[in-house]
Amino acid sequence: GNMARQFHEVVGTPNARFHNVFYYGNTALLVLDTGEDKPDDTKV
């Protein structure tokens, strides 16, 4: 979508990125950003 590059304005992105680690006590929550499913050169 034409606003995908503004998505960080409505959801929290620590360190200005979509991959981070959140620590809750002795638990680490590792968040990874898997991106698109198809090859980058897909026509659409």
PDB file of all heavy atoms in Angstrom:
ATOM      1  N   GLY A   1       0.816  -1.205   0.000  1.00  0.00           N
ATOM      2  CA  GLY A   1       0.000   0.000   0.000  1.00  0.00           C
ATOM      3  C   GLY A   1       0.848   1.252   0.000  1.00  0.00           C
ATOM      4  O   GLY A   1       2.011   1.255   0.408  1.00  0.00           O
ATOM      5  N   ASN A   2       0.232   2.359  -0.464  1.00  0.00           N
ATOM      6  CA  ASN A   2       1.003   3.591  -0.644  1.00  0.00           C
ATOM      7  C   ASN A   2       1.359   4.284   0.661  1.00  0.00           C
ATOM      8  O   ASN A   2       2.100   5.271   0.659  1.00  0.00           O
ATOM      9  CB  ASN A   2       0.266   4.561  -1.586  1.00  0.00           C
ATOM     10  CG  ASN A   2      -1.153   4.865  -1.136  1.00  0.00           C
ATOM     11  OD1 ASN A   2      -1.427   4.945   0.051  1.00  0.00           O
ATOM     12  ND2 ASN A   2      -2.051   5.035  -2.089  1.00  0.00           N
ATOM     13  N   MET A   3       0.841   3.786   1.808  1.00  0.00           N
ATOM     14  CA  MET A   3       1.211   4.359   3.108  1.00  0.00           C
ATOM     15  C   MET A   3       2.049   3.387   3.945  1.00  0.00           C
ATOM     16  O   MET A   3       2.311   3.653   5.125  1.00  0.00           O
ATOM     17  CB  MET A   3      -0.035   4.773   3.886  1.00  0.00           C
ATOM     18  CG  MET A   3      -0.793   5.932   3.270  1.00  0.00           C
ATOM     19  SD  MET A   3      -2.163   6.511   4.313  1.00  0.00           S
ATOM     20  CE  MET A   3      -1.267   7.174   5.721  1.00  0.00           C
ATOM     21  N   ALA A   4       2.480   2.288   3.353  1.00  0.00           N
ATOM     22  CA  ALA A   4       3.228   1.279   4.111  1.00  0.00           C
ATOM     23  C   ALA A   4       4.471   1.862   4.757  1.00  0.00           C
ATOM     24  O   ALA A   4       4.877   1.424   5.842  1.00  0.00           O
ATOM     25  CB  ALA A   4       3.612   0.107   3.203  1.00  0.00           C
ATOM     26  N   ARG A   5       5.061   2.857   4.141  1.00  0.00           N
ATOM     27  CA  ARG A   5       6.284   3.456   4.668  1.00  0.00           C
ATOM     28  C   ARG A   5       6.024   4.396   5.839  1.00  0.00           C
ATOM     29  O   ARG A   5       6.965   4.899   6.448  1.00  0.00           O
ATOM     30  CB  ARG A   5       7.038   4.155   3.537  1.00  0.00           C
ATOM     31  CG  ARG A   5       7.693   3.155   2.585  1.00  0.00           C
ATOM     32  CD  ARG A   5       7.823   3.663   1.168  1.00  0.00           C
ATOM     33  NE  ARG A   5       8.364   2.616   0.310  1.00  0.00           N
ATOM     34  CZ  ARG A   5       7.631   1.628  -0.218  1.00  0.00           C
ATOM     35  NH1 ARG A   5       6.327   1.543   0.037  1.00  0.00           N
ATOM     36  NH2 ARG A   5       8.191   0.706  -0.981  1.00  0.00           N
ATOM     37  N   GLN A   6       4.747   4.617   6.157  1.00  0.00           N
ATOM     38  CA  GLN A   6       4.382   5.415   7.325  1.00  0.00           C
ATOM     39  C   GLN A   6       3.803   4.554   8.448  1.00  0.00           C
ATOM     40  O   GLN A   6       3.307   5.082   9.447  1.00  0.00           O
ATOM     41  CB  GLN A   6       3.347   6.482   6.950  1.00  0.00           C
ATOM     42  CG  GLN A   6       3.912   7.646   6.154  1.00  0.00           C
ATOM     43  CD  GLN A   6       4.091   7.332   4.681  1.00  0.00           C
ATOM     44  OE1 GLN A   6       3.145   6.897   4.022  1.00  0.00           O
ATOM     45  NE2 GLN A   6       5.285   7.553   4.160  1.00  0.00           N
ATOM     46  N   PHE A   7       3.867   3.236   8.316  1.00  0.00           N
ATOM     47  CA  PHE A   7       3.241   2.362   9.314  1.00  0.00           C
ATOM     48  C   PHE A   7       3.858   2.548  10.695  1.00  0.00           C
ATOM     49  O   PHE A   7       3.176   2.398  11.719  1.00  0.00           O
ATOM     50  CB  PHE A   7       3.349   0.896   8.870  1.00  0.00           C
ATOM     51  CG  PHE A   7       2.483  -0.043   9.673  1.00  0.00           C
ATOM     52  CD1 PHE A   7       1.122   0.143   9.771  1.00  0.00           C
ATOM     53  CD2 PHE A   7       3.048  -1.125  10.340  1.00  0.00           C
ATOM     54  CE1 PHE A   7       0.323  -0.720  10.514  1.00  0.00           C
ATOM     55  CE2 PHE A   7       2.265  -1.991  11.078  1.00  0.00           C
ATOM     56  CZ  PHE A   7       0.896  -1.792  11.167  1.00  0.00           C
ATOM     57  N   HIS A   8       5.131   2.900  10.746  1.00  0.00           N
ATOM     58  CA  HIS A   8       5.796   3.110  12.045  1.00  0.00           C
ATOM     59  C   HIS A   8       5.209   4.285  12.813  1.00  0.00           C
ATOM     60  O   HIS A   8       5.469   4.433  14.011  1.00  0.00           O
ATOM     61  CB  HIS A   8       7.300   3.342  11.829  1.00  0.00           C
ATOM     62  CG  HIS A   8       7.603   4.603  11.079  1.00  0.00           C
ATOM     63  ND1 HIS A   8       7.570   4.674   9.712  1.00  0.00           N
ATOM     64  CD2 HIS A   8       7.920   5.848  11.507  1.00  0.00           C
ATOM     65  CE1 HIS A   8       7.860   5.893   9.321  1.00  0.00           C
ATOM     66  NE2 HIS A   8       8.079   6.637  10.392  1.00  0.00           N
ATOM     67  N   GLU A   9       4.414   5.124  12.164  1.00  0.00           N
ATOM     68  CA  GLU A   9       3.815   6.270  12.851  1.00  0.00           C
ATOM     69  C   GLU A   9       2.624   5.870  13.719  1.00  0.00           C
ATOM     70  O   GLU A   9       2.215   6.649  14.589  1.00  0.00           O
ATOM     71  CB  GLU A   9       3.389   7.334  11.836  1.00  0.00           C
ATOM     72  CG  GLU A   9       4.558   7.948  11.073  1.00  0.00           C
ATOM     73  CD  GLU A   9       4.114   8.929  10.004  1.00  0.00           C
ATOM     74  OE1 GLU A   9       2.887   9.184   9.907  1.00  0.00           O
ATOM     75  OE2 GLU A   9       4.972   9.444   9.263  1.00  0.00           O
ATOM     76  N   VAL A  10       2.076   4.682  13.503  1.00  0.00           N
ATOM     77  CA  VAL A  10       0.896   4.269  14.277  1.00  0.00           C
ATOM     78  C   VAL A  10       1.155   3.058  15.165  1.00  0.00           C
ATOM     79  O   VAL A  10       0.308   2.702  15.987  1.00  0.00           O
ATOM     80  CB  VAL A  10      -0.322   3.988  13.359  1.00  0.00           C
ATOM     81  CG1 VAL A  10      -0.797   5.268  12.703  1.00  0.00           C
ATOM     82  CG2 VAL A  10      -0.013   2.919  12.327  1.00  0.00           C
ATOM     83  N   VAL A  11       2.297   2.399  15.018  1.00  0.00           N
ATOM     84  CA  VAL A  11       2.662   1.308  15.929  1.00  0.00           C
ATOM     85  C   VAL A  11       4.071   1.557  16.449  1.00  0.00           C
ATOM     86  O   VAL A  11       4.892   2.187  15.782  1.00  0.00           O
ATOM     87  CB  VAL A  11       2.579  -0.087  15.258  1.00  0.00           C
ATOM     88  CG1 VAL A  11       1.161  -0.394  14.814  1.00  0.00           C
ATOM     89  CG2 VAL A  11       3.545  -0.208  14.089  1.00  0.00           C
ATOM     90  N   GLY A  12       4.332   1.055  17.658  1.00  0.00           N
ATOM     91  CA  GLY A  12       5.605   1.315  18.301  1.00  0.00           C
ATOM     92  C   GLY A  12       6.768   0.593  17.644  1.00  0.00           C
ATOM     93  O   GLY A  12       6.717  -0.618  17.441  1.00  0.00           O
ATOM     94  N   THR A  13       7.799   1.329  17.322  1.00  0.00           N
ATOM     95  CA  THR A  13       9.002   0.763  16.728  1.00  0.00           C
ATOM     96  C   THR A  13      10.216   1.277  17.502  1.00  0.00           C
ATOM     97  O   THR A  13      10.804   2.300  17.138  1.00  0.00           O
ATOM     98  CB  THR A  13       9.132   1.139  15.238  1.00  0.00           C
ATOM     99  OG1 THR A  13       9.012   2.576  15.119  1.00  0.00           O
ATOM    100  CG2 THR A  13       8.061   0.483  14.412  1.00  0.00           C
ATOM    101  N   PRO A  14      10.586   0.615  18.597  1.00  0.00           N
ATOM    102  CA  PRO A  14      11.792   1.031  19.314  1.00  0.00           C
ATOM    103  C   PRO A  14      12.993   1.041  18.386  1.00  0.00           C
ATOM    104  O   PRO A  14      13.121   0.192  17.494  1.00  0.00           O
ATOM    105  CB  PRO A  14      11.938  -0.044  20.404  1.00  0.00           C
ATOM    106  CG  PRO A  14      10.579  -0.648  20.540  1.00  0.00           C
ATOM    107  CD  PRO A  14       9.956  -0.576  19.175  1.00  0.00           C
ATOM    108  N   ASN A  15      13.835   2.013  18.553  1.00  0.00           N
ATOM    109  CA  ASN A  15      15.038   2.145  17.714  1.00  0.00           C
ATOM    110  C   ASN A  15      14.701   2.344  16.236  1.00  0.00           C
ATOM    111  O   ASN A  15      15.528   2.086  15.367  1.00  0.00           O
ATOM    112  CB  ASN A  15      15.957   0.929  17.874  1.00  0.00           C
ATOM    113  CG  ASN A  15      16.332   0.675  19.317  1.00  0.00           C
ATOM    114  OD1 ASN A  15      16.743   1.590  20.019  1.00  0.00           O
ATOM    115  ND2 ASN A  15      16.170  -0.553  19.773  1.00  0.00           N
ATOM    116  N   ALA A  16      13.441   2.782  15.973  1.00  0.00           N
ATOM    117  CA  ALA A  16      12.998   3.099  14.606  1.00  0.00           C
ATOM    118  C   ALA A  16      13.113   1.921  13.655  1.00  0.00           C
ATOM    119  O   ALA A  16      13.417   2.080  12.474  1.00  0.00           O
ATOM    120  CB  ALA A  16      13.777   4.306  14.066  1.00  0.00           C
ATOM    121  N   ARG A  17      12.834   0.717  14.164  1.00  0.00           N
ATOM    122  CA  ARG A  17      12.896  -0.461  13.302  1.00  0.00           C
ATOM    123  C   ARG A  17      11.862  -1.479  13.782  1.00  0.00           C
ATOM    124  O   ARG A  17      11.400  -1.431  14.915  1.00  0.00           O
ATOM    125  CB  ARG A  17      14.302  -1.077  13.314  1.00  0.00           C
ATOM    126  CG  ARG A  17      14.711  -1.575  14.685  1.00  0.00           C
ATOM    127  CD  ARG A  17      16.192  -1.891  14.757  1.00  0.00           C
ATOM    128  NE  ARG A  17      16.546  -2.398  16.073  1.00  0.00           N
ATOM    129  CZ  ARG A  17      17.762  -2.348  16.602  1.00  0.00           C
ATOM    130  NH1 ARG A  17      18.750  -1.824  15.923  1.00  0.00           N
ATOM    131  NH2 ARG A  17      17.997  -2.841  17.801  1.00  0.00           N
ATOM    132  N   PHE A  18      11.522  -2.408  12.902  1.00  0.00           N
ATOM    133  CA  PHE A  18      10.499  -3.407  13.203  1.00  0.00           C
ATOM    134  C   PHE A  18      11.076  -4.694  13.785  1.00  0.00           C
ATOM    135  O   PHE A  18      10.329  -5.629  14.035  1.00  0.00           O
ATOM    136  CB  PHE A  18       9.683  -3.732  11.946  1.00  0.00           C
ATOM    137  CG  PHE A  18       8.721  -2.645  11.552  1.00  0.00           C
ATOM    138  CD1 PHE A  18       9.025  -1.773  10.519  1.00  0.00           C
ATOM    139  CD2 PHE A  18       7.528  -2.475  12.229  1.00  0.00           C
ATOM    140  CE1 PHE A  18       8.137  -0.776  10.148  1.00  0.00           C
ATOM    141  CE2 PHE A  18       6.632  -1.473  11.878  1.00  0.00           C
ATOM    142  CZ  PHE A  18       6.944  -0.621  10.840  1.00  0.00           C
ATOM    143  N   HIS A  19      12.375  -4.779  13.997  1.00  0.00           N
ATOM    144  CA  HIS A  19      12.969  -5.934  14.667  1.00  0.00           C
ATOM    145  C   HIS A  19      13.646  -5.454  15.946  1.00  0.00           C
ATOM    146  O   HIS A  19      14.431  -4.509  15.935  1.00  0.00           O
ATOM    147  CB  HIS A  19      13.961  -6.677  13.753  1.00  0.00           C
ATOM    148  CG  HIS A  19      14.990  -5.806  13.100  1.00  0.00           C
ATOM    149  ND1 HIS A  19      14.718  -4.986  12.034  1.00  0.00           N
ATOM    150  CD2 HIS A  19      16.318  -5.648  13.359  1.00  0.00           C
ATOM    151  CE1 HIS A  19      15.808  -4.353  11.663  1.00  0.00           C
ATOM    152  NE2 HIS A  19      16.801  -4.729  12.460  1.00  0.00           N
ATOM    153  N   ASN A  20      13.292  -6.088  17.054  1.00  0.00           N
ATOM    154  CA  ASN A  20      13.735  -5.638  18.364  1.00  0.00           C
ATOM    155  C   ASN A  20      13.713  -6.799  19.354  1.00  0.00           C
ATOM    156  O   ASN A  20      13.236  -7.890  19.049  1.00  0.00           O
ATOM    157  CB  ASN A  20      12.812  -4.526  18.880  1.00  0.00           C
ATOM    158  CG  ASN A  20      13.099  -3.185  18.239  1.00  0.00           C
ATOM    159  OD1 ASN A  20      14.036  -2.498  18.627  1.00  0.00           O
ATOM    160  ND2 ASN A  20      12.287  -2.818  17.250  1.00  0.00           N
ATOM    161  N   VAL A  21      14.210  -6.521  20.548  1.00  0.00           N
ATOM    162  CA  VAL A  21      14.086  -7.461  21.664  1.00  0.00           C
ATOM    163  C   VAL A  21      13.396  -6.735  22.808  1.00  0.00           C
ATOM    164  O   VAL A  21      13.778  -5.619  23.160  1.00  0.00           O
ATOM    165  CB  VAL A  21      15.454  -7.993  22.146  1.00  0.00           C
ATOM    166  CG1 VAL A  21      15.250  -9.080  23.198  1.00  0.00           C
ATOM    167  CG2 VAL A  21      16.272  -8.522  20.996  1.00  0.00           C
ATOM    168  N   PHE A  22      12.384  -7.362  23.378  1.00  0.00           N
ATOM    169  CA  PHE A  22      11.704  -6.846  24.560  1.00  0.00           C
ATOM    170  C   PHE A  22      12.003  -7.797  25.711  1.00  0.00           C
ATOM    171  O   PHE A  22      11.873  -9.021  25.563  1.00  0.00           O
ATOM    172  CB  PHE A  22      10.196  -6.761  24.338  1.00  0.00           C
ATOM    173  CG  PHE A  22       9.792  -5.789  23.261  1.00  0.00           C
ATOM    174  CD1 PHE A  22       9.720  -6.189  21.937  1.00  0.00           C
ATOM    175  CD2 PHE A  22       9.483  -4.475  23.578  1.00  0.00           C
ATOM    176  CE1 PHE A  22       9.345  -5.298  20.939  1.00  0.00           C
ATOM    177  CE2 PHE A  22       9.113  -3.573  22.594  1.00  0.00           C
ATOM    178  CZ  PHE A  22       9.040  -3.987  21.275  1.00  0.00           C
ATOM    179  N   TYR A  23      12.386  -7.225  26.852  1.00  0.00           N
ATOM    180  CA  TYR A  23      12.722  -8.044  28.013  1.00  0.00           C
ATOM    181  C   TYR A  23      11.666  -7.864  29.090  1.00  0.00           C
ATOM    182  O   TYR A  23      11.361  -6.744  29.511  1.00  0.00           O
ATOM    183  CB  TYR A  23      14.094  -7.659  28.560  1.00  0.00           C
ATOM    184  CG  TYR A  23      15.225  -7.994  27.612  1.00  0.00           C
ATOM    185  CD1 TYR A  23      15.783  -7.016  26.789  1.00  0.00           C
ATOM    186  CD2 TYR A  23      15.725  -9.291  27.539  1.00  0.00           C
ATOM    187  CE1 TYR A  23      16.814  -7.319  25.916  1.00  0.00           C
ATOM    188  CE2 TYR A  23      16.755  -9.608  26.664  1.00  0.00           C
ATOM    189  CZ  TYR A  23      17.293  -8.617  25.856  1.00  0.00           C
ATOM    190  OH  TYR A  23      18.309  -8.933  24.982  1.00  0.00           O
ATOM    191  N   TYR A  24      11.094  -8.970  29.511  1.00  0.00           N
ATOM    192  CA  TYR A  24      10.154  -9.007  30.627  1.00  0.00           C
ATOM    193  C   TYR A  24      10.724  -9.969  31.663  1.00  0.00           C
ATOM    194  O   TYR A  24      10.656 -11.185  31.500  1.00  0.00           O
ATOM    195  CB  TYR A  24       8.780  -9.495  30.168  1.00  0.00           C
ATOM    196  CG  TYR A  24       7.847  -8.386  29.738  1.00  0.00           C
ATOM    197  CD1 TYR A  24       7.982  -7.776  28.498  1.00  0.00           C
ATOM    198  CD2 TYR A  24       6.831  -7.936  30.574  1.00  0.00           C
ATOM    199  CE1 TYR A  24       7.129  -6.764  28.100  1.00  0.00           C
ATOM    200  CE2 TYR A  24       5.971  -6.920  30.188  1.00  0.00           C
ATOM    201  CZ  TYR A  24       6.120  -6.343  28.950  1.00  0.00           C
ATOM    202  OH  TYR A  24       5.275  -5.332  28.557  1.00  0.00           O
ATOM    203  N   GLY A  25      11.313  -9.442  32.724  1.00  0.00           N
ATOM    204  CA  GLY A  25      11.918 -10.300  33.722  1.00  0.00           C
ATOM    205  C   GLY A  25      12.989 -11.175  33.097  1.00  0.00           C
ATOM    206  O   GLY A  25      13.891 -10.686  32.406  1.00  0.00           O
ATOM    207  N   ASN A  26      12.866 -12.488  33.303  1.00  0.00           N
ATOM    208  CA  ASN A  26      13.883 -13.391  32.759  1.00  0.00           C
ATOM    209  C   ASN A  26      13.504 -13.941  31.387  1.00  0.00           C
ATOM    210  O   ASN A  26      14.054 -14.944  30.944  1.00  0.00           O
ATOM    211  CB  ASN A  26      14.147 -14.541  33.739  1.00  0.00           C
ATOM    212  CG  ASN A  26      12.914 -15.392  33.989  1.00  0.00           C
ATOM    213  OD1 ASN A  26      11.893 -15.235  33.326  1.00  0.00           O
ATOM    214  ND2 ASN A  26      13.002 -16.311  34.950  1.00  0.00           N
ATOM    215  N   THR A  27      12.569 -13.280  30.704  1.00  0.00           N
ATOM    216  CA  THR A  27      12.142 -13.710  29.370  1.00  0.00           C
ATOM    217  C   THR A  27      12.525 -12.675  28.329  1.00  0.00           C
ATOM    218  O   THR A  27      12.280 -11.479  28.506  1.00  0.00           O
ATOM    219  CB  THR A  27      10.618 -13.935  29.328  1.00  0.00           C
ATOM    220  OG1 THR A  27      10.264 -14.948  30.276  1.00  0.00           O
ATOM    221  CG2 THR A  27      10.166 -14.373  27.944  1.00  0.00           C
ATOM    222  N   ALA A  28      13.117 -13.139  27.236  1.00  0.00           N
ATOM    223  CA  ALA A  28      13.431 -12.290  26.092  1.00  0.00           C
ATOM    224  C   ALA A  28      12.440 -12.591  24.976  1.00  0.00           C
ATOM    225  O   ALA A  28      12.282 -13.756  24.579  1.00  0.00           O
ATOM    226  CB  ALA A  28      14.857 -12.539  25.616  1.00  0.00           C
ATOM    227  N   LEU A  29      11.777 -11.561  24.486  1.00  0.00           N
ATOM    228  CA  LEU A  29      10.874 -11.689  23.342  1.00  0.00           C
ATOM    229  C   LEU A  29      11.590 -11.092  22.137  1.00  0.00           C
ATOM    230  O   LEU A  29      11.769  -9.875  22.039  1.00  0.00           O
ATOM    231  CB  LEU A  29       9.557 -10.959  23.596  1.00  0.00           C
ATOM    232  CG  LEU A  29       8.721 -11.449  24.786  1.00  0.00           C
ATOM    233  CD1 LEU A  29       7.505 -10.559  24.982  1.00  0.00           C
ATOM    234  CD2 LEU A  29       8.288 -12.901  24.581  1.00  0.00           C
ATOM    235  N   LEU A  30      11.996 -11.959  21.236  1.00  0.00           N
ATOM    236  CA  LEU A  30      12.764 -11.554  20.055  1.00  0.00           C
ATOM    237  C   LEU A  30      11.800 -11.360  18.885  1.00  0.00           C
ATOM    238  O   LEU A  30      11.188 -12.314  18.409  1.00  0.00           O
ATOM    239  CB  LEU A  30      13.808 -12.625  19.733  1.00  0.00           C
ATOM    240  CG  LEU A  30      14.695 -12.414  18.517  1.00  0.00           C
ATOM    241  CD1 LEU A  30      15.530 -11.146  18.667  1.00  0.00           C
ATOM    242  CD2 LEU A  30      15.611 -13.623  18.311  1.00  0.00           C
ATOM    243  N   VAL A  31      11.643 -10.112  18.442  1.00  0.00           N
ATOM    244  CA  VAL A  31      10.731  -9.772  17.353  1.00  0.00           C
ATOM    245  C   VAL A  31      11.534  -9.629  16.069  1.00  0.00           C
ATOM    246  O   VAL A  31      12.467  -8.819  15.991  1.00  0.00           O
ATOM    247  CB  VAL A  31       9.980  -8.464  17.660  1.00  0.00           C
ATOM    248  CG1 VAL A  31       9.121  -8.044  16.472  1.00  0.00           C
ATOM    249  CG2 VAL A  31       9.115  -8.633  18.910  1.00  0.00           C
ATOM    250  N   LEU A  32      11.147 -10.409  15.055  1.00  0.00           N
ATOM    251  CA  LEU A  32      11.817 -10.356  13.756  1.00  0.00           C
ATOM    252  C   LEU A  32      10.815  -9.956  12.672  1.00  0.00           C
ATOM    253  O   LEU A  32       9.632 -10.271  12.759  1.00  0.00           O
ATOM    254  CB  LEU A  32      12.445 -11.709  13.425  1.00  0.00           C
ATOM    255  CG  LEU A  32      13.568 -12.146  14.371  1.00  0.00           C
ATOM    256  CD1 LEU A  32      14.007 -13.572  14.077  1.00  0.00           C
ATOM    257  CD2 LEU A  32      14.762 -11.192  14.259  1.00  0.00           C
ATOM    258  N   ASP A  33      11.306  -9.265  11.668  1.00  0.00           N
ATOM    259  CA  ASP A  33      10.467  -8.739  10.583  1.00  0.00           C
ATOM    260  C   ASP A  33      10.737  -9.551   9.326  1.00  0.00           C
ATOM    261  O   ASP A  33      11.762  -9.396   8.678  1.00  0.00           O
ATOM    262  CB  ASP A  33      10.808  -7.262  10.368  1.00  0.00           C
ATOM    263  CG  ASP A  33       9.915  -6.594   9.340  1.00  0.00           C
ATOM    264  OD1 ASP A  33       8.973  -7.239   8.840  1.00  0.00           O
ATOM    265  OD2 ASP A  33      10.171  -5.413   9.034  1.00  0.00           O
ATOM    266  N   THR A  34       9.786 -10.431   8.982  1.00  0.00           N
ATOM    267  CA  THR A  34      10.038 -11.402   7.912  1.00  0.00           C
ATOM    268  C   THR A  34       9.842 -10.847   6.508  1.00  0.00           C
ATOM    269  O   THR A  34      10.213 -11.487   5.532  1.00  0.00           O
ATOM    270  CB  THR A  34       9.136 -12.639   8.097  1.00  0.00           C
ATOM    271  OG1 THR A  34       7.762 -12.234   8.168  1.00  0.00           O
ATOM    272  CG2 THR A  34       9.496 -13.379   9.373  1.00  0.00           C
ATOM    273  N   GLY A  35       9.246  -9.650   6.366  1.00  0.00           N
ATOM    274  CA  GLY A  35       9.127  -9.027   5.058  1.00  0.00           C
ATOM    275  C   GLY A  35       8.087  -9.673   4.159  1.00  0.00           C
ATOM    276  O   GLY A  35       7.139 -10.307   4.622  1.00  0.00           O
ATOM    277  N   GLU A  36       8.286  -9.529   2.867  1.00  0.00           N
ATOM    278  CA  GLU A  36       7.339 -10.056   1.876  1.00  0.00           C
ATOM    279  C   GLU A  36       7.585 -11.527   1.603  1.00  0.00           C
ATOM    280  O   GLU A  36       8.670 -12.059   1.848  1.00  0.00           O
ATOM    281  CB  GLU A  36       7.442  -9.262   0.567  1.00  0.00           C
ATOM    282  CG  GLU A  36       6.399  -8.163   0.434  1.00  0.00           C
ATOM    283  CD  GLU A  36       4.982  -8.701   0.248  1.00  0.00           C
ATOM    284  OE1 GLU A  36       4.740  -9.916   0.422  1.00  0.00           O
ATOM    285  OE2 GLU A  36       4.091  -7.880  -0.047  1.00  0.00           O
ATOM    286  N   ASP A  37       6.553 -12.203   1.079  1.00  0.00           N
ATOM    287  CA  ASP A  37       6.668 -13.636   0.832  1.00  0.00           C
ATOM    288  C   ASP A  37       7.257 -13.963  -0.529  1.00  0.00           C
ATOM    289  O   ASP A  37       7.950 -14.968  -0.689  1.00  0.00           O
ATOM    290  CB  ASP A  37       5.310 -14.330   1.007  1.00  0.00           C
ATOM    291  CG  ASP A  37       4.189 -13.711   0.180  1.00  0.00           C
ATOM    292  OD1 ASP A  37       4.429 -12.700  -0.521  1.00  0.00           O
ATOM    293  OD2 ASP A  37       3.059 -14.226   0.244  1.00  0.00           O
ATOM    294  N   LYS A  38       7.033 -13.120  -1.532  1.00  0.00           N
ATOM    295  CA  LYS A  38       7.467 -13.405  -2.894  1.00  0.00           C
ATOM    296  C   LYS A  38       8.809 -12.737  -3.207  1.00  0.00           C
ATOM    297  O   LYS A  38       9.241 -11.834  -2.466  1.00  0.00           O
ATOM    298  CB  LYS A  38       6.389 -12.930  -3.880  1.00  0.00           C
ATOM    299  CG  LYS A  38       5.075 -13.709  -3.758  1.00  0.00           C
ATOM    300  CD  LYS A  38       3.994 -13.191  -4.678  1.00  0.00           C
ATOM    301  CE  LYS A  38       3.344 -11.937  -4.154  1.00  0.00           C
ATOM    302  NZ  LYS A  38       2.575 -12.171  -2.913  1.00  0.00           N
ATOM    303  N   PRO A  39       9.483 -13.139  -4.285  1.00  0.00           N
ATOM    304  CA  PRO A  39      10.776 -12.524  -4.635  1.00  0.00           C
ATOM    305  C   PRO A  39      10.632 -11.021  -4.869  1.00  0.00           C
ATOM    306  O   PRO A  39       9.581 -10.522  -5.288  1.00  0.00           O
ATOM    307  CB  PRO A  39      11.181 -13.252  -5.923  1.00  0.00           C
ATOM    308  CG  PRO A  39      10.466 -14.564  -5.868  1.00  0.00           C
ATOM    309  CD  PRO A  39       9.162 -14.284  -5.181  1.00  0.00           C
ATOM    310  N   ASP A  40      11.717 -10.285  -4.613  1.00  0.00           N
ATOM    311  CA  ASP A  40      11.694  -8.839  -4.768  1.00  0.00           C
ATOM    312  C   ASP A  40      11.384  -8.397  -6.196  1.00  0.00           C
ATOM    313  O   ASP A  40      10.834  -7.302  -6.391  1.00  0.00           O
ATOM    314  CB  ASP A  40      13.043  -8.240  -4.347  1.00  0.00           C
ATOM    315  CG  ASP A  40      13.275  -8.348  -2.847  1.00  0.00           C
ATOM    316  OD1 ASP A  40      12.294  -8.300  -2.085  1.00  0.00           O
ATOM    317  OD2 ASP A  40      14.448  -8.492  -2.441  1.00  0.00           O
ATOM    318  N   ASP A  41      11.753  -9.209  -7.190  1.00  0.00           N
ATOM    319  CA  ASP A  41      11.528  -8.813  -8.586  1.00  0.00           C
ATOM    320  C   ASP A  41      10.149  -9.218  -9.107  1.00  0.00           C
ATOM    321  O   ASP A  41       9.887  -9.114 -10.305  1.00  0.00           O
ATOM    322  CB  ASP A  41      12.625  -9.365  -9.500  1.00  0.00           C
ATOM    323  CG  ASP A  41      12.697 -10.893  -9.483  1.00  0.00           C
ATOM    324  OD1 ASP A  41      11.855 -11.544  -8.814  1.00  0.00           O
ATOM    325  OD2 ASP A  41      13.600 -11.448 -10.147  1.00  0.00           O
ATOM    326  N   THR A  42       9.257  -9.668  -8.211  1.00  0.00           N
ATOM    327  CA  THR A  42       7.894  -9.980  -8.623  1.00  0.00           C
ATOM    328  C   THR A  42       7.253  -8.723  -9.218  1.00  0.00           C
ATOM    329  O   THR A  42       7.390  -7.624  -8.677  1.00  0.00           O
ATOM    330  CB  THR A  42       7.060 -10.474  -7.425  1.00  0.00           C
ATOM    331  OG1 THR A  42       7.683 -11.652  -6.897  1.00  0.00           O
ATOM    332  CG2 THR A  42       5.631 -10.799  -7.826  1.00  0.00           C
ATOM    333  N   LYS A  43       6.559  -8.879 -10.319  1.00  0.00           N
ATOM    334  CA  LYS A  43       6.078  -7.744 -11.101  1.00  0.00           C
ATOM    335  C   LYS A  43       5.234  -6.774 -10.279  1.00  0.00           C
ATOM    336  O   LYS A  43       5.373  -5.550 -10.405  1.00  0.00           O
ATOM    337  CB  LYS A  43       5.292  -8.245 -12.306  1.00  0.00           C
ATOM    338  CG  LYS A  43       4.883  -7.155 -13.282  1.00  0.00           C
ATOM    339  CD  LYS A  43       4.199  -7.735 -14.516  1.00  0.00           C
ATOM    340  CE  LYS A  43       3.821  -6.625 -15.497  1.00  0.00           C
ATOM    341  NZ  LYS A  43       3.154  -7.177 -16.713  1.00  0.00           N
ATOM    342  N   VAL A  44       4.357  -7.293  -9.420  1.00  0.00           N
ATOM    343  CA  VAL A  44       3.441  -6.401  -8.689  1.00  0.00           C
ATOM    344  C   VAL A  44       4.178  -5.502  -7.703  1.00  0.00           C
ATOM    345  O   VAL A  44       3.626  -4.496  -7.244  1.00  0.00           O
ATOM    346  CB  VAL A  44       2.347  -7.200  -7.943  1.00  0.00           C
ATOM    347  CG1 VAL A  44       1.435  -7.919  -8.918  1.00  0.00           C
ATOM    348  CG2 VAL A  44       2.956  -8.191  -6.952  1.00  0.00           C
TER     349      VAL A  44
END
